[in-house]
């Protein structure tokens, strides 16, 4: 999925956190309080972790 401006601005979350991924490990994390955080999936020693890049306002 490629991100579009409209899709990112209209992203909502219900009771749980929601992740919107693209093909290269970048994702938008939408929190329960409707906060939006840019994250990048990083794999080191086969353990999946995410690095916070910034906040979408």
Protein backbone atom coordinates (compact mmCIF):
# COMPACT_ATOMS: atom_id res chain seq x y z
CA UNK A 1 0.00 0.00 0.00
CA UNK A 2 1.30 3.43 -0.80
CA UNK A 3 0.33 6.28 1.47
CA UNK A 4 -1.88 9.08 0.23
CA UNK A 5 -2.49 12.35 2.03
CA UNK A 6 -6.23 11.70 2.32
CA UNK A 7 -5.79 8.15 3.65
CA UNK A 8 -3.34 9.30 6.34
CA UNK A 9 -5.47 12.20 7.51
CA UNK A 10 -8.61 10.04 7.71
CA UNK A 11 -6.91 7.14 9.53
CA UNK A 12 -8.84 6.23 12.69
CA UNK A 13 -8.40 3.67 15.43
CA UNK A 14 -11.07 1.86 17.44
CA UNK A 15 -10.21 0.16 20.73
CA UNK A 16 -6.71 -0.95 19.74
CA UNK A 17 -3.73 0.60 18.02
CA UNK A 18 -3.83 0.40 14.23
CA UNK A 19 -0.82 0.12 11.91
CA UNK A 20 -0.89 1.23 8.28
CA UNK A 21 2.10 -0.29 6.45
CA UNK A 22 3.81 0.42 3.17
CA UNK A 23 6.03 -2.07 1.35
CA UNK A 24 9.39 -1.02 2.80
CA UNK A 25 8.88 -1.21 6.56
CA UNK A 26 7.54 2.31 7.12
CA UNK A 27 4.25 2.44 8.98
CA UNK A 28 1.88 4.88 10.60
CA UNK A 29 0.79 3.90 14.10
CA UNK A 30 -2.63 5.30 15.04
CA UNK A 31 -3.15 5.18 18.81
CA UNK A 32 -6.41 4.83 20.74
CA UNK A 33 -6.40 8.58 21.42
CA UNK A 34 -6.06 9.22 17.64
CA UNK A 35 -2.38 10.19 17.86
CA UNK A 36 -0.41 9.36 14.70
CA UNK A 37 3.24 8.28 14.89
CA UNK A 38 5.60 7.48 12.03
CA UNK A 39 7.67 4.35 12.70
CA UNK A 40 10.18 2.26 10.79
CA UNK A 41 10.38 -1.51 11.22
CA UNK A 42 13.92 -2.64 12.00
CA UNK A 43 15.07 -6.24 12.30
CA UNK A 44 18.24 -6.95 14.23
CA UNK A 45 19.20 -10.51 15.07
CA UNK A 46 15.77 -11.70 13.89
CA UNK A 47 13.93 -9.66 16.51
CA UNK A 48 11.41 -7.21 15.12
CA UNK A 49 11.59 -3.73 16.58
CA UNK A 50 10.32 -0.34 15.52
CA UNK A 51 12.05 3.03 15.60
CA UNK A 52 9.94 6.13 16.11
CA UNK A 53 10.61 8.69 13.37
CA UNK A 54 8.14 11.47 14.10
CA UNK A 55 4.62 12.58 14.89
CA UNK A 56 1.99 13.42 12.28
CA UNK A 57 0.02 16.50 13.26
